[in-house]
Amino acid sequence: MSGRKLGNVTEQLTVTVGRRAARAILIDDRGRLVLIKRTKPGQEPYWTAPGGGVEDSDSSIEAALYRELSEELGAEAAGASQVFLFSSPSDAGVAVQHFFVARLVTLDESARSGPEFSDPSRGGYVLDRIDLHSNELTSIDLKPTALKEFILANREALLAEAATVG
């Protein structure tokens, strides 16, 4: 062990979280990843995990996840477990996305109710399913890229986690 000593640490690291989001790595009973294909005029399509911002009225980040799944997909999920965290700079500090693996229980697209569906200028939100047993995920533009890399590196574990939910 070195004789080097650390001086008193008086400076505290302060990070302002500007936005928190809860998103699902949502897997159906056939081992498919449930995603939203986003289309916007003048842009190439991309895919994203369902979910969205944590609101002050949400009792927890997990509660925000279930609310967002209901709004965006008309879906119910079970057994959410946080498995991945992604952060990026934002105007208000840092944006933090909490990703939970969960099993899809029910889905009713006619029950979708989020604000994104009443504003055509926000582009398209098309439900899509990607088979995790195949290499289909490698060919789509899933954002953030770090999420795509995480899912590809851990797909067997994610499938196992989703399958163990009662």
N, C-alpha and C. Protein backbone atom coordinates (compact mmCIF):
# COMPACT_ATOMS: atom_id res chain seq x y z
N MET A 1 0.84 -1.17 0.00
CA MET A 1 0.00 0.00 0.00
C MET A 1 0.89 1.23 0.00
N SER A 2 0.55 2.20 -0.76
CA SER A 2 1.33 3.43 -0.90
C SER A 2 1.14 4.32 0.32
N GLY A 3 2.12 5.15 0.58
CA GLY A 3 2.04 6.09 1.68
C GLY A 3 1.29 7.36 1.30
N ARG A 4 0.74 7.40 0.10
CA ARG A 4 0.03 8.58 -0.38
C ARG A 4 -1.29 8.74 0.36
N LYS A 5 -1.56 9.96 0.80
CA LYS A 5 -2.82 10.22 1.51
C LYS A 5 -3.69 11.14 0.67
N LEU A 6 -4.94 10.92 0.77
CA LEU A 6 -5.90 11.82 0.12
C LEU A 6 -6.21 12.93 1.09
N GLY A 7 -6.15 14.16 0.61
CA GLY A 7 -6.51 15.29 1.46
C GLY A 7 -7.99 15.27 1.77
N ASN A 8 -8.39 16.14 2.66
CA ASN A 8 -9.81 16.24 2.96
C ASN A 8 -10.57 16.61 1.69
N VAL A 9 -11.61 15.88 1.43
CA VAL A 9 -12.43 16.17 0.25
C VAL A 9 -13.50 17.15 0.68
N THR A 10 -13.33 18.39 0.24
CA THR A 10 -14.29 19.43 0.63
C THR A 10 -15.23 19.78 -0.51
N GLU A 11 -14.83 19.45 -1.73
CA GLU A 11 -15.67 19.77 -2.87
C GLU A 11 -16.65 18.62 -3.10
N GLN A 12 -17.89 18.93 -3.17
CA GLN A 12 -18.90 17.89 -3.41
C GLN A 12 -19.29 17.93 -4.87
N LEU A 13 -19.50 16.77 -5.42
CA LEU A 13 -19.97 16.67 -6.79
C LEU A 13 -21.47 16.88 -6.79
N THR A 14 -21.92 17.89 -7.52
CA THR A 14 -23.34 18.17 -7.59
C THR A 14 -23.77 18.05 -9.04
N VAL A 15 -24.73 17.21 -9.28
CA VAL A 15 -25.27 17.02 -10.62
C VAL A 15 -26.76 17.32 -10.56
N THR A 16 -27.20 18.17 -11.46
CA THR A 16 -28.61 18.49 -11.53
C THR A 16 -29.26 17.58 -12.56
N VAL A 17 -30.26 16.85 -12.13
CA VAL A 17 -31.01 16.01 -13.05
C VAL A 17 -32.13 16.86 -13.61
N GLY A 18 -32.04 17.13 -14.91
CA GLY A 18 -33.04 17.97 -15.56
C GLY A 18 -34.31 17.22 -15.92
N ARG A 19 -34.17 15.96 -16.27
CA ARG A 19 -35.33 15.15 -16.65
C ARG A 19 -35.04 13.70 -16.33
N ARG A 20 -36.05 13.04 -15.79
CA ARG A 20 -35.97 11.61 -15.51
C ARG A 20 -37.03 10.92 -16.36
N ALA A 21 -36.67 9.79 -16.93
CA ALA A 21 -37.63 9.01 -17.71
C ALA A 21 -37.58 7.56 -17.28
N ALA A 22 -38.70 6.89 -17.44
CA ALA A 22 -38.80 5.46 -17.16
C ALA A 22 -39.19 4.77 -18.47
N ARG A 23 -38.41 3.78 -18.87
CA ARG A 23 -38.66 3.09 -20.13
C ARG A 23 -38.61 1.58 -19.92
N ALA A 24 -39.31 0.86 -20.78
CA ALA A 24 -39.41 -0.59 -20.64
C ALA A 24 -38.66 -1.33 -21.74
N ILE A 25 -37.91 -2.31 -21.32
CA ILE A 25 -37.44 -3.36 -22.22
C ILE A 25 -38.55 -4.41 -22.07
N LEU A 26 -39.60 -4.20 -22.84
CA LEU A 26 -40.86 -4.94 -22.68
C LEU A 26 -40.86 -6.15 -23.60
N ILE A 27 -41.05 -7.33 -23.01
CA ILE A 27 -40.95 -8.58 -23.77
C ILE A 27 -42.29 -9.32 -23.68
N ASP A 28 -42.78 -9.73 -24.87
CA ASP A 28 -44.07 -10.44 -24.89
C ASP A 28 -43.85 -11.94 -24.67
N ASP A 29 -44.95 -12.70 -24.68
CA ASP A 29 -44.88 -14.13 -24.36
C ASP A 29 -44.22 -14.96 -25.46
N ARG A 30 -43.89 -14.35 -26.59
CA ARG A 30 -43.20 -15.05 -27.67
C ARG A 30 -41.73 -14.62 -27.77
N GLY A 31 -41.24 -13.89 -26.76
CA GLY A 31 -39.85 -13.48 -26.75
C GLY A 31 -39.55 -12.33 -27.70
N ARG A 32 -40.57 -11.52 -27.95
CA ARG A 32 -40.37 -10.36 -28.82
C ARG A 32 -40.30 -9.09 -27.99
N LEU A 33 -39.42 -8.21 -28.40
CA LEU A 33 -39.25 -6.91 -27.77
C LEU A 33 -40.29 -5.96 -28.35
N VAL A 34 -41.06 -5.33 -27.47
CA VAL A 34 -42.11 -4.40 -27.91
C VAL A 34 -41.50 -3.00 -27.94
N LEU A 35 -41.48 -2.41 -29.14
CA LEU A 35 -40.87 -1.10 -29.35
C LEU A 35 -41.85 -0.16 -30.04
N ILE A 36 -41.47 1.10 -30.08
CA ILE A 36 -42.23 2.10 -30.82
C ILE A 36 -41.35 2.58 -31.96
N LYS A 37 -41.88 2.43 -33.18
CA LYS A 37 -41.18 2.94 -34.36
C LYS A 37 -41.61 4.39 -34.54
N ARG A 38 -40.66 5.29 -34.46
CA ARG A 38 -40.92 6.72 -34.60
C ARG A 38 -40.66 7.16 -36.03
N THR A 39 -41.61 7.87 -36.57
CA THR A 39 -41.44 8.46 -37.89
C THR A 39 -41.74 9.94 -37.79
N LYS A 40 -40.83 10.74 -38.36
CA LYS A 40 -40.99 12.19 -38.36
C LYS A 40 -40.67 12.68 -39.77
N PRO A 41 -41.42 13.66 -40.25
CA PRO A 41 -41.16 14.16 -41.60
C PRO A 41 -39.70 14.61 -41.76
N GLY A 42 -39.09 14.18 -42.86
CA GLY A 42 -37.72 14.59 -43.15
C GLY A 42 -36.64 13.84 -42.40
N GLN A 43 -37.02 12.83 -41.61
CA GLN A 43 -36.04 12.04 -40.85
C GLN A 43 -36.20 10.56 -41.15
N GLU A 44 -35.11 9.85 -41.03
CA GLU A 44 -35.17 8.39 -41.13
C GLU A 44 -35.91 7.85 -39.92
N PRO A 45 -36.68 6.78 -40.08
CA PRO A 45 -37.36 6.20 -38.91
C PRO A 45 -36.35 5.66 -37.89
N TYR A 46 -36.77 5.66 -36.63
CA TYR A 46 -35.95 5.05 -35.59
C TYR A 46 -36.90 4.41 -34.59
N TRP A 47 -36.36 3.56 -33.74
CA TRP A 47 -37.15 2.84 -32.74
C TRP A 47 -36.74 3.29 -31.35
N THR A 48 -37.68 3.21 -30.43
CA THR A 48 -37.41 3.58 -29.05
C THR A 48 -38.18 2.65 -28.12
N ALA A 49 -37.69 2.50 -26.92
CA ALA A 49 -38.39 1.71 -25.91
C ALA A 49 -39.57 2.53 -25.40
N PRO A 50 -40.71 1.89 -25.16
CA PRO A 50 -41.86 2.62 -24.64
C PRO A 50 -41.59 3.18 -23.25
N GLY A 51 -42.16 4.33 -22.98
CA GLY A 51 -41.99 4.97 -21.69
C GLY A 51 -41.90 6.46 -21.87
N GLY A 52 -41.60 7.16 -20.81
CA GLY A 52 -41.51 8.60 -20.90
C GLY A 52 -41.17 9.23 -19.56
N GLY A 53 -41.42 10.51 -19.49
CA GLY A 53 -41.02 11.31 -18.35
C GLY A 53 -41.69 10.94 -17.04
N VAL A 54 -40.92 11.05 -15.98
CA VAL A 54 -41.44 10.88 -14.62
C VAL A 54 -42.08 12.20 -14.22
N GLU A 55 -43.32 12.13 -13.78
CA GLU A 55 -44.06 13.33 -13.38
C GLU A 55 -44.06 13.46 -11.86
N ASP A 56 -44.26 14.69 -11.39
CA ASP A 56 -44.30 14.94 -9.94
C ASP A 56 -45.36 14.09 -9.24
N SER A 57 -46.44 13.77 -9.95
CA SER A 57 -47.53 12.99 -9.35
C SER A 57 -47.22 11.50 -9.27
N ASP A 58 -46.16 11.04 -9.95
CA ASP A 58 -45.78 9.62 -9.88
C ASP A 58 -45.16 9.31 -8.52
N SER A 59 -45.60 8.24 -7.89
CA SER A 59 -45.09 7.90 -6.56
C SER A 59 -43.68 7.32 -6.61
N SER A 60 -43.26 6.84 -7.78
CA SER A 60 -41.92 6.29 -7.95
C SER A 60 -41.60 6.24 -9.44
N ILE A 61 -40.36 5.94 -9.74
CA ILE A 61 -39.97 5.80 -11.15
C ILE A 61 -40.69 4.60 -11.75
N GLU A 62 -40.83 3.53 -10.99
CA GLU A 62 -41.54 2.35 -11.48
C GLU A 62 -43.01 2.67 -11.74
N ALA A 63 -43.62 3.46 -10.87
CA ALA A 63 -45.02 3.87 -11.09
C ALA A 63 -45.14 4.67 -12.39
N ALA A 64 -44.16 5.51 -12.67
CA ALA A 64 -44.15 6.27 -13.92
C ALA A 64 -44.09 5.33 -15.11
N LEU A 65 -43.30 4.27 -14.99
CA LEU A 65 -43.19 3.28 -16.06
C LEU A 65 -44.56 2.68 -16.38
N TYR A 66 -45.26 2.21 -15.35
CA TYR A 66 -46.57 1.58 -15.59
C TYR A 66 -47.57 2.58 -16.17
N ARG A 67 -47.54 3.83 -15.72
CA ARG A 67 -48.43 4.87 -16.26
C ARG A 67 -48.11 5.10 -17.73
N GLU A 68 -46.83 5.24 -18.04
CA GLU A 68 -46.42 5.49 -19.42
C GLU A 68 -46.78 4.33 -20.34
N LEU A 69 -46.62 3.09 -19.89
CA LEU A 69 -47.00 1.94 -20.71
C LEU A 69 -48.49 1.94 -21.00
N SER A 70 -49.28 2.33 -20.02
CA SER A 70 -50.72 2.42 -20.21
C SER A 70 -51.06 3.50 -21.24
N GLU A 71 -50.43 4.67 -21.11
CA GLU A 71 -50.71 5.78 -22.03
C GLU A 71 -50.21 5.49 -23.45
N GLU A 72 -48.96 5.07 -23.58
CA GLU A 72 -48.34 4.92 -24.90
C GLU A 72 -48.79 3.67 -25.65
N LEU A 73 -49.06 2.59 -24.92
CA LEU A 73 -49.37 1.33 -25.58
C LEU A 73 -50.75 0.78 -25.26
N GLY A 74 -51.41 1.32 -24.22
CA GLY A 74 -52.61 0.67 -23.73
C GLY A 74 -52.23 -0.67 -23.12
N ALA A 75 -51.06 -0.72 -22.48
CA ALA A 75 -50.50 -1.98 -22.02
C ALA A 75 -50.40 -2.07 -20.51
N GLU A 76 -50.44 -3.31 -20.04
CA GLU A 76 -50.11 -3.63 -18.66
C GLU A 76 -48.90 -4.55 -18.70
N ALA A 77 -48.00 -4.36 -17.75
CA ALA A 77 -46.79 -5.18 -17.67
C ALA A 77 -46.66 -5.70 -16.25
N ALA A 78 -45.82 -6.72 -16.11
CA ALA A 78 -45.58 -7.30 -14.78
C ALA A 78 -44.09 -7.47 -14.56
N GLY A 79 -43.72 -7.46 -13.29
CA GLY A 79 -42.37 -7.81 -12.88
C GLY A 79 -41.27 -6.87 -13.31
N ALA A 80 -41.54 -5.58 -13.34
CA ALA A 80 -40.52 -4.63 -13.76
C ALA A 80 -39.32 -4.66 -12.82
N SER A 81 -38.14 -4.74 -13.43
CA SER A 81 -36.90 -4.73 -12.66
C SER A 81 -35.90 -3.84 -13.41
N GLN A 82 -35.38 -2.82 -12.72
CA GLN A 82 -34.45 -1.92 -13.39
C GLN A 82 -33.15 -2.66 -13.71
N VAL A 83 -32.73 -2.57 -14.99
CA VAL A 83 -31.54 -3.29 -15.43
C VAL A 83 -30.51 -2.41 -16.12
N PHE A 84 -30.88 -1.17 -16.45
CA PHE A 84 -29.98 -0.33 -17.23
C PHE A 84 -30.29 1.13 -16.95
N LEU A 85 -29.24 1.94 -16.93
CA LEU A 85 -29.39 3.38 -16.70
C LEU A 85 -28.60 4.09 -17.78
N PHE A 86 -29.22 5.10 -18.39
CA PHE A 86 -28.56 5.86 -19.45
C PHE A 86 -28.72 7.34 -19.15
N SER A 87 -27.63 8.09 -19.26
CA SER A 87 -27.71 9.53 -19.04
C SER A 87 -27.07 10.27 -20.19
N SER A 88 -27.56 11.48 -20.39
CA SER A 88 -27.02 12.34 -21.44
C SER A 88 -27.20 13.79 -21.01
N PRO A 89 -26.35 14.67 -21.51
CA PRO A 89 -26.47 16.09 -21.14
C PRO A 89 -27.79 16.67 -21.66
N SER A 90 -28.34 17.60 -20.90
CA SER A 90 -29.54 18.32 -21.34
C SER A 90 -29.39 19.78 -20.93
N ASP A 91 -30.25 20.62 -21.45
CA ASP A 91 -30.19 22.05 -21.13
C ASP A 91 -30.34 22.30 -19.63
N ALA A 92 -31.10 21.43 -18.96
CA ALA A 92 -31.39 21.62 -17.54
C ALA A 92 -30.47 20.82 -16.63
N GLY A 93 -29.43 20.21 -17.17
CA GLY A 93 -28.53 19.38 -16.35
C GLY A 93 -28.23 18.09 -17.07
N VAL A 94 -28.63 17.00 -16.47
CA VAL A 94 -28.45 15.70 -17.10
C VAL A 94 -29.81 15.01 -17.20
N ALA A 95 -30.05 14.36 -18.34
CA ALA A 95 -31.27 13.58 -18.53
C ALA A 95 -30.93 12.13 -18.19
N VAL A 96 -31.73 11.53 -17.33
CA VAL A 96 -31.49 10.16 -16.88
C VAL A 96 -32.67 9.29 -17.29
N GLN A 97 -32.36 8.19 -18.00
CA GLN A 97 -33.39 7.23 -18.38
C GLN A 97 -33.16 5.93 -17.62
N HIS A 98 -34.20 5.50 -16.92
CA HIS A 98 -34.18 4.24 -16.17
C HIS A 98 -34.87 3.20 -17.04
N PHE A 99 -34.17 2.12 -17.37
CA PHE A 99 -34.73 1.06 -18.19
C PHE A 99 -35.04 -0.16 -17.32
N PHE A 100 -36.26 -0.65 -17.44
CA PHE A 100 -36.74 -1.80 -16.69
C PHE A 100 -37.06 -2.93 -17.65
N VAL A 101 -36.63 -4.15 -17.33
CA VAL A 101 -37.11 -5.30 -18.09
C VAL A 101 -38.45 -5.68 -17.46
N ALA A 102 -39.44 -5.98 -18.31
CA ALA A 102 -40.77 -6.35 -17.83
C ALA A 102 -41.43 -7.25 -18.85
N ARG A 103 -42.41 -8.01 -18.38
CA ARG A 103 -43.17 -8.91 -19.27
C ARG A 103 -44.50 -8.25 -19.62
N LEU A 104 -44.81 -8.23 -20.90
CA LEU A 104 -46.09 -7.71 -21.37
C LEU A 104 -47.21 -8.65 -20.92
N VAL A 105 -48.23 -8.10 -20.26
CA VAL A 105 -49.38 -8.90 -19.81
C VAL A 105 -50.55 -8.71 -20.77
N THR A 106 -50.92 -7.45 -21.02
CA THR A 106 -52.00 -7.15 -21.96
C THR A 106 -51.63 -5.92 -22.77
N LEU A 107 -52.22 -5.82 -23.96
CA LEU A 107 -51.99 -4.67 -24.81
C LEU A 107 -53.27 -4.39 -25.60
N ASP A 108 -53.74 -3.16 -25.55
CA ASP A 108 -54.94 -2.74 -26.28
C ASP A 108 -54.62 -1.39 -26.94
N GLU A 109 -54.22 -1.44 -28.21
CA GLU A 109 -53.81 -0.21 -28.89
C GLU A 109 -54.92 0.85 -28.92
N SER A 110 -56.17 0.43 -28.85
CA SER A 110 -57.27 1.41 -28.87
C SER A 110 -57.33 2.22 -27.57
N ALA A 111 -56.61 1.77 -26.53
CA ALA A 111 -56.60 2.48 -25.25
C ALA A 111 -55.43 3.45 -25.13
N ARG A 112 -54.64 3.59 -26.19
CA ARG A 112 -53.51 4.53 -26.15
C ARG A 112 -54.04 5.95 -25.93
N SER A 113 -53.40 6.68 -25.01
CA SER A 113 -53.99 7.98 -24.63
C SER A 113 -52.97 9.09 -24.40
N GLY A 114 -51.73 8.88 -24.68
CA GLY A 114 -50.73 9.92 -24.41
C GLY A 114 -50.90 11.13 -25.31
N PRO A 115 -50.34 12.27 -24.92
CA PRO A 115 -50.48 13.50 -25.69
C PRO A 115 -49.88 13.40 -27.09
N GLU A 116 -48.95 12.48 -27.28
CA GLU A 116 -48.32 12.32 -28.59
C GLU A 116 -49.30 11.89 -29.68
N PHE A 117 -50.44 11.31 -29.27
CA PHE A 117 -51.40 10.82 -30.26
C PHE A 117 -52.38 11.89 -30.73
N SER A 118 -52.43 13.00 -30.03
CA SER A 118 -53.36 14.07 -30.43
C SER A 118 -52.66 15.20 -31.17
N ASP A 119 -51.34 15.10 -31.36
CA ASP A 119 -50.58 16.16 -32.02
C ASP A 119 -49.83 15.57 -33.22
N PRO A 120 -50.42 15.70 -34.43
CA PRO A 120 -49.81 15.10 -35.61
C PRO A 120 -48.40 15.63 -35.92
N SER A 121 -48.07 16.83 -35.42
CA SER A 121 -46.74 17.39 -35.70
C SER A 121 -45.63 16.60 -35.00
N ARG A 122 -46.01 15.76 -34.04
CA ARG A 122 -45.01 14.97 -33.32
C ARG A 122 -44.59 13.71 -34.08
N GLY A 123 -45.24 13.46 -35.22
CA GLY A 123 -44.88 12.31 -36.05
C GLY A 123 -45.62 11.05 -35.63
N GLY A 124 -45.19 9.92 -36.22
CA GLY A 124 -45.86 8.65 -36.00
C GLY A 124 -45.26 7.86 -34.86
N TYR A 125 -46.14 7.11 -34.19
CA TYR A 125 -45.76 6.22 -33.08
C TYR A 125 -46.38 4.85 -33.38
N VAL A 126 -45.65 4.03 -34.12
CA VAL A 126 -46.18 2.75 -34.56
C VAL A 126 -45.61 1.64 -33.69
N LEU A 127 -46.50 0.81 -33.18
CA LEU A 127 -46.09 -0.33 -32.36
C LEU A 127 -45.37 -1.35 -33.24
N ASP A 128 -44.25 -1.86 -32.76
CA ASP A 128 -43.48 -2.85 -33.51
C ASP A 128 -42.97 -3.90 -32.53
N ARG A 129 -42.76 -5.10 -33.03
CA ARG A 129 -42.21 -6.18 -32.20
C ARG A 129 -41.02 -6.78 -32.91
N ILE A 130 -39.94 -6.94 -32.17
CA ILE A 130 -38.68 -7.45 -32.72
C ILE A 130 -38.34 -8.75 -32.00
N ASP A 131 -38.15 -9.82 -32.78
CA ASP A 131 -37.87 -11.14 -32.20
C ASP A 131 -36.46 -11.17 -31.60
N LEU A 132 -36.39 -11.35 -30.28
CA LEU A 132 -35.10 -11.40 -29.61
C LEU A 132 -34.36 -12.72 -29.83
N HIS A 133 -35.05 -13.72 -30.38
CA HIS A 133 -34.40 -14.99 -30.68
C HIS A 133 -33.65 -14.93 -32.01
N SER A 134 -33.84 -13.85 -32.77
CA SER A 134 -33.18 -13.70 -34.07
C SER A 134 -32.20 -12.52 -33.99
N ASN A 135 -31.64 -12.18 -35.14
CA ASN A 135 -30.73 -11.03 -35.21
C ASN A 135 -31.43 -9.79 -35.75
N GLU A 136 -32.76 -9.79 -35.72
CA GLU A 136 -33.55 -8.68 -36.26
C GLU A 136 -33.17 -7.33 -35.63
N LEU A 137 -32.84 -7.33 -34.34
CA LEU A 137 -32.51 -6.09 -33.64
C LEU A 137 -31.28 -5.41 -34.24
N THR A 138 -30.36 -6.18 -34.79
CA THR A 138 -29.14 -5.59 -35.34
C THR A 138 -29.43 -4.67 -36.52
N SER A 139 -30.56 -4.87 -37.20
CA SER A 139 -30.84 -4.12 -38.43
C SER A 139 -31.69 -2.87 -38.23
N ILE A 140 -32.09 -2.56 -37.00
CA ILE A 140 -32.90 -1.36 -36.79
C ILE A 140 -32.11 -0.30 -36.01
N ASP A 141 -32.57 0.93 -36.12
CA ASP A 141 -31.93 2.05 -35.42
C ASP A 141 -32.65 2.28 -34.09
N LEU A 142 -32.26 1.49 -33.09
CA LEU A 142 -32.84 1.63 -31.74
C LEU A 142 -32.05 2.70 -31.00
N LYS A 143 -32.77 3.67 -30.46
CA LYS A 143 -32.14 4.77 -29.73
C LYS A 143 -32.50 4.67 -28.25
N PRO A 144 -31.59 4.95 -27.35
CA PRO A 144 -30.19 5.26 -27.61
C PRO A 144 -29.41 4.02 -28.03
N THR A 145 -28.34 4.23 -28.77
CA THR A 145 -27.51 3.13 -29.25
C THR A 145 -26.99 2.27 -28.10
N ALA A 146 -26.70 2.90 -26.96
CA ALA A 146 -26.21 2.15 -25.80
C ALA A 146 -27.25 1.13 -25.33
N LEU A 147 -28.54 1.43 -25.48
CA LEU A 147 -29.59 0.48 -25.12
C LEU A 147 -29.55 -0.72 -26.06
N LYS A 148 -29.43 -0.45 -27.35
CA LYS A 148 -29.35 -1.53 -28.34
C LYS A 148 -28.18 -2.46 -28.01
N GLU A 149 -27.02 -1.86 -27.71
CA GLU A 149 -25.84 -2.66 -27.37
C GLU A 149 -26.07 -3.48 -26.11
N PHE A 150 -26.72 -2.88 -25.12
CA PHE A 150 -27.01 -3.59 -23.86
C PHE A 150 -27.94 -4.78 -24.12
N ILE A 151 -29.00 -4.56 -24.89
CA ILE A 151 -29.95 -5.64 -25.16
C ILE A 151 -29.27 -6.77 -25.93
N LEU A 152 -28.50 -6.42 -26.96
CA LEU A 152 -27.82 -7.45 -27.75
C LEU A 152 -26.83 -8.25 -26.89
N ALA A 153 -26.15 -7.60 -25.99
CA ALA A 153 -25.17 -8.28 -25.13
C ALA A 153 -25.82 -9.12 -24.04
N ASN A 154 -27.08 -8.82 -23.72
CA ASN A 154 -27.74 -9.47 -22.57
C ASN A 154 -29.09 -10.09 -22.91
N ARG A 155 -29.33 -10.38 -24.18
CA ARG A 155 -30.67 -10.81 -24.56
C ARG A 155 -31.13 -12.10 -23.88
N GLU A 156 -30.22 -13.06 -23.70
CA GLU A 156 -30.64 -14.31 -23.04
C GLU A 156 -31.06 -14.04 -21.60
N ALA A 157 -30.31 -13.21 -20.90
CA ALA A 157 -30.67 -12.87 -19.51
C ALA A 157 -31.98 -12.10 -19.46
N LEU A 158 -32.19 -11.18 -20.40
CA LEU A 158 -33.44 -10.40 -20.42
C LEU A 158 -34.64 -11.32 -20.70
N LEU A 159 -34.47 -12.24 -21.64
CA LEU A 159 -35.54 -13.21 -21.92
C LEU A 159 -35.84 -14.06 -20.69
N ALA A 160 -34.79 -14.49 -20.00
CA ALA A 160 -34.97 -15.30 -18.80
C ALA A 160 -35.68 -14.51 -17.71
N GLU A 161 -35.28 -13.24 -17.52
CA GLU A 161 -35.93 -12.40 -16.51
C GLU A 161 -37.41 -12.23 -16.81
N ALA A 162 -37.74 -11.94 -18.06
CA ALA A 162 -39.14 -11.73 -18.45
C ALA A 162 -39.95 -13.02 -18.29
N ALA A 163 -39.32 -14.16 -18.53
CA ALA A 163 -40.02 -15.45 -18.43
C ALA A 163 -40.29 -15.86 -17.00
N THR A 164 -39.51 -15.36 -16.04
CA THR A 164 -39.67 -15.80 -14.65
C THR A 164 -40.75 -15.01 -13.92
N VAL A 165 -41.26 -13.97 -14.56
CA VAL A 165 -42.29 -13.15 -13.91
C VAL A 165 -43.59 -13.94 -13.89
N GLY A 166 -44.21 -14.01 -12.72
CA GLY A 166 -45.45 -14.77 -12.58
C GLY A 166 -46.68 -14.04 -13.02
